[in-house]
Amino acid sequence: MIFQLIVSFVLCFCLLAALMVFYIKYQSKVPYYRLNQNDCVNLLERAVNGVLLERDWNVFIGMTVRDDEEFEQLREVCLMIDDEHKKGTQIVDGGLYVRFSNVGLKQLTLLLDEWQHKVNYAA
């Protein structure tokens, strides 16, 4: 009985160790996206100028930014603009571009101006 208990503990320990090694080895292989100020400014400029691809917009508003509160706040504001002021999409040269109402464009312009002049972030 004691022998079976010891064998069970050893097997559980080996299984746990193998799972930890697997996790550590493959954790760095998981894709992730890191934002910087230039990425945000570029995205907002393309939105204001009407040349923002829908897939780029959806990737930005669809992800959660966990490592920077300011990027997450920008994403949440853009998500609200998408919900309230997105007019749809427009196909140009085979690309699907996002269109916003005039109010949405004004809000995006204000965000663009704010993010172009941020001093906290290295450009």
C-alpha atoms as a PDB file:
ATOM      1  CA  MET A   1       0.000   0.000   0.000  1.00  0.00           C
ATOM      2  CA  ILE A   2       2.756   2.446   0.907  1.00  0.00           C
ATOM      3  CA  PHE A   3       4.712   1.388  -2.184  1.00  0.00           C
ATOM      4  CA  GLN A   4       1.718   2.181  -4.425  1.00  0.00           C
ATOM      5  CA  LEU A   5       1.339   5.569  -2.768  1.00  0.00           C
ATOM      6  CA  ILE A   6       5.006   6.413  -3.346  1.00  0.00           C
ATOM      7  CA  VAL A   7       4.808   5.279  -6.993  1.00  0.00           C
ATOM      8  CA  SER A   8       1.693   7.419  -7.469  1.00  0.00           C
ATOM      9  CA  PHE A   9       3.458  10.505  -6.058  1.00  0.00           C
ATOM     10  CA  VAL A  10       6.510   9.917  -8.264  1.00  0.00           C
ATOM     11  CA  LEU A  11       4.373   9.509 -11.385  1.00  0.00           C
ATOM     12  CA  CYS A  12       2.359  12.649 -10.573  1.00  0.00           C
ATOM     13  CA  PHE A  13       5.579  14.578 -10.007  1.00  0.00           C
ATOM     14  CA  CYS A  14       7.027  13.369 -13.340  1.00  0.00           C
ATOM     15  CA  LEU A  15       3.833  14.279 -15.165  1.00  0.00           C
ATOM     16  CA  LEU A  16       3.786  17.729 -13.584  1.00  0.00           C
ATOM     17  CA  ALA A  17       7.465  18.279 -14.438  1.00  0.00           C
ATOM     18  CA  ALA A  18       6.869  17.205 -18.052  1.00  0.00           C
ATOM     19  CA  LEU A  19       3.932  19.603 -18.369  1.00  0.00           C
ATOM     20  CA  MET A  20       6.004  22.473 -16.973  1.00  0.00           C
ATOM     21  CA  VAL A  21       8.858  21.761 -19.408  1.00  0.00           C
ATOM     22  CA  PHE A  22       6.388  21.644 -22.308  1.00  0.00           C
ATOM     23  CA  TYR A  23       4.797  24.944 -21.228  1.00  0.00           C
ATOM     24  CA  ILE A  24       8.132  26.725 -20.795  1.00  0.00           C
ATOM     25  CA  LYS A  25       9.447  25.459 -24.117  1.00  0.00           C
ATOM     26  CA  TYR A  26       6.400  26.417 -26.187  1.00  0.00           C
ATOM     27  CA  GLN A  27       5.260  29.555 -24.352  1.00  0.00           C
ATOM     28  CA  SER A  28       7.515  31.792 -26.458  1.00  0.00           C
ATOM     29  CA  LYS A  29       6.051  30.348 -29.667  1.00  0.00           C
ATOM     30  CA  VAL A  30       2.589  31.772 -29.009  1.00  0.00           C
ATOM     31  CA  PRO A  31       1.978  34.773 -31.304  1.00  0.00           C
ATOM     32  CA  TYR A  32       1.354  38.124 -29.695  1.00  0.00           C
ATOM     33  CA  TYR A  33       1.174  41.717 -30.803  1.00  0.00           C
ATOM     34  CA  ARG A  34       2.942  44.573 -29.086  1.00  0.00           C
ATOM     35  CA  LEU A  35       1.761  48.083 -29.772  1.00  0.00           C
ATOM     36  CA  ASN A  36       3.771  51.252 -29.732  1.00  0.00           C
ATOM     37  CA  GLN A  37       2.827  54.889 -30.208  1.00  0.00           C
ATOM     38  CA  ASN A  38       3.758  54.882 -33.906  1.00  0.00           C
ATOM     39  CA  ASP A  39       1.437  51.925 -34.546  1.00  0.00           C
ATOM     40  CA  CYS A  40      -1.463  53.760 -32.907  1.00  0.00           C
ATOM     41  CA  VAL A  41      -0.775  57.024 -34.733  1.00  0.00           C
ATOM     42  CA  ASN A  42      -0.502  55.163 -38.048  1.00  0.00           C
ATOM     43  CA  LEU A  43      -3.789  53.341 -37.438  1.00  0.00           C
ATOM     44  CA  LEU A  44      -5.590  56.568 -36.493  1.00  0.00           C
ATOM     45  CA  GLU A  45      -4.145  58.447 -39.504  1.00  0.00           C
ATOM     46  CA  ARG A  46      -5.361  55.734 -41.867  1.00  0.00           C
ATOM     47  CA  ALA A  47      -8.806  55.793 -40.195  1.00  0.00           C
ATOM     48  CA  VAL A  48      -9.091  59.581 -40.533  1.00  0.00           C
ATOM     49  CA  ASN A  49      -7.893  59.485 -44.162  1.00  0.00           C
ATOM     50  CA  GLY A  50     -10.331  56.680 -45.084  1.00  0.00           C
ATOM     51  CA  VAL A  51      -7.623  54.170 -46.019  1.00  0.00           C
ATOM     52  CA  LEU A  52      -7.865  51.829 -43.041  1.00  0.00           C
ATOM     53  CA  LEU A  53      -8.425  48.200 -43.951  1.00  0.00           C
ATOM     54  CA  GLU A  54     -11.280  46.595 -42.070  1.00  0.00           C
ATOM     55  CA  ARG A  55      -9.131  43.654 -40.966  1.00  0.00           C
ATOM     56  CA  ASP A  56      -6.544  46.003 -39.370  1.00  0.00           C
ATOM     57  CA  TRP A  57      -9.295  47.876 -37.542  1.00  0.00           C
ATOM     58  CA  ASN A  58     -10.937  44.673 -36.335  1.00  0.00           C
ATOM     59  CA  VAL A  59      -7.634  43.252 -35.084  1.00  0.00           C
ATOM     60  CA  PHE A  60      -6.975  46.441 -33.111  1.00  0.00           C
ATOM     61  CA  ILE A  61     -10.404  46.789 -31.530  1.00  0.00           C
ATOM     62  CA  GLY A  62     -10.775  43.043 -31.024  1.00  0.00           C
ATOM     63  CA  MET A  63      -7.665  42.404 -28.949  1.00  0.00           C
ATOM     64  CA  THR A  64      -7.143  43.170 -25.299  1.00  0.00           C
ATOM     65  CA  VAL A  65      -4.026  45.120 -24.339  1.00  0.00           C
ATOM     66  CA  ARG A  66      -2.898  43.815 -20.984  1.00  0.00           C
ATOM     67  CA  ASP A  67       0.528  45.368 -20.650  1.00  0.00           C
ATOM     68  CA  ASP A  68      -0.339  49.069 -21.065  1.00  0.00           C
ATOM     69  CA  GLU A  69      -3.391  50.835 -19.663  1.00  0.00           C
ATOM     70  CA  GLU A  70      -3.191  53.799 -22.082  1.00  0.00           C
ATOM     71  CA  PHE A  71      -3.216  51.553 -25.154  1.00  0.00           C
ATOM     72  CA  GLU A  72      -6.150  49.657 -23.673  1.00  0.00           C
ATOM     73  CA  GLN A  73      -8.044  52.916 -23.064  1.00  0.00           C
ATOM     74  CA  LEU A  74      -7.401  53.972 -26.677  1.00  0.00           C
ATOM     75  CA  ARG A  75      -8.647  50.591 -27.891  1.00  0.00           C
ATOM     76  CA  GLU A  76     -11.809  50.904 -25.779  1.00  0.00           C
ATOM     77  CA  VAL A  77     -12.532  54.419 -27.115  1.00  0.00           C
ATOM     78  CA  CYS A  78     -12.011  53.140 -30.668  1.00  0.00           C
ATOM     79  CA  LEU A  79     -14.354  50.246 -29.927  1.00  0.00           C
ATOM     80  CA  MET A  80     -17.048  52.717 -28.816  1.00  0.00           C
ATOM     81  CA  ILE A  81     -16.464  54.783 -31.975  1.00  0.00           C
ATOM     82  CA  ASP A  82     -16.837  51.581 -33.990  1.00  0.00           C
ATOM     83  CA  ASP A  83     -20.112  50.719 -32.258  1.00  0.00           C
ATOM     84  CA  GLU A  84     -21.628  54.188 -32.554  1.00  0.00           C
ATOM     85  CA  HIS A  85     -20.144  55.779 -35.683  1.00  0.00           C
ATOM     86  CA  LYS A  86     -19.024  53.096 -38.114  1.00  0.00           C
ATOM     87  CA  LYS A  87     -20.985  53.527 -41.348  1.00  0.00           C
ATOM     88  CA  GLY A  88     -19.852  50.293 -42.878  1.00  0.00           C
ATOM     89  CA  THR A  89     -17.187  49.342 -45.368  1.00  0.00           C
ATOM     90  CA  GLN A  90     -16.214  50.329 -48.860  1.00  0.00           C
ATOM     91  CA  ILE A  91     -14.428  48.187 -51.447  1.00  0.00           C
ATOM     92  CA  VAL A  92     -11.570  49.988 -53.211  1.00  0.00           C
ATOM     93  CA  ASP A  93      -9.178  48.089 -55.487  1.00  0.00           C
ATOM     94  CA  GLY A  94     -10.198  44.803 -53.888  1.00  0.00           C
ATOM     95  CA  GLY A  95      -9.592  46.040 -50.340  1.00  0.00           C
ATOM     96  CA  LEU A  96     -12.328  46.431 -47.754  1.00  0.00           C
ATOM     97  CA  TYR A  97     -11.952  49.813 -46.011  1.00  0.00           C
ATOM     98  CA  VAL A  98     -13.758  51.068 -42.889  1.00  0.00           C
ATOM     99  CA  ARG A  99     -15.968  54.165 -43.168  1.00  0.00           C
ATOM    100  CA  PHE A 100     -17.028  56.375 -40.264  1.00  0.00           C
ATOM    101  CA  SER A 101     -19.642  59.073 -39.846  1.00  0.00           C
ATOM    102  CA  ASN A 102     -18.564  62.720 -39.580  1.00  0.00           C
ATOM    103  CA  VAL A 103     -18.882  62.589 -35.787  1.00  0.00           C
ATOM    104  CA  GLY A 104     -16.747  59.450 -35.699  1.00  0.00           C
ATOM    105  CA  LEU A 105     -14.121  61.087 -37.916  1.00  0.00           C
ATOM    106  CA  LYS A 106     -14.008  64.098 -35.576  1.00  0.00           C
ATOM    107  CA  GLN A 107     -13.492  61.837 -32.580  1.00  0.00           C
ATOM    108  CA  LEU A 108     -10.771  59.895 -34.404  1.00  0.00           C
ATOM    109  CA  THR A 109      -9.095  63.183 -35.387  1.00  0.00           C
ATOM    110  CA  LEU A 110      -9.047  64.274 -31.740  1.00  0.00           C
ATOM    111  CA  LEU A 111      -7.530  60.926 -30.744  1.00  0.00           C
ATOM    112  CA  LEU A 112      -4.947  61.247 -33.511  1.00  0.00           C
ATOM    113  CA  ASP A 113      -3.971  64.728 -32.347  1.00  0.00           C
ATOM    114  CA  GLU A 114      -3.680  63.513 -28.747  1.00  0.00           C
ATOM    115  CA  TRP A 115      -1.549  60.481 -29.641  1.00  0.00           C
ATOM    116  CA  GLN A 116       0.715  62.436 -31.994  1.00  0.00           C
ATOM    117  CA  HIS A 117       1.649  64.753 -29.144  1.00  0.00           C
ATOM    118  CA  LYS A 118       2.010  62.246 -26.303  1.00  0.00           C
ATOM    119  CA  VAL A 119       5.291  62.717 -24.496  1.00  0.00           C
ATOM    120  CA  ASN A 120       5.165  59.594 -22.294  1.00  0.00           C
ATOM    121  CA  TYR A 121       5.897  57.246 -25.160  1.00  0.00           C
ATOM    122  CA  ALA A 122       9.038  56.967 -27.225  1.00  0.00           C
ATOM    123  CA  ALA A 123       8.175  57.446 -30.876  1.00  0.00           C
END
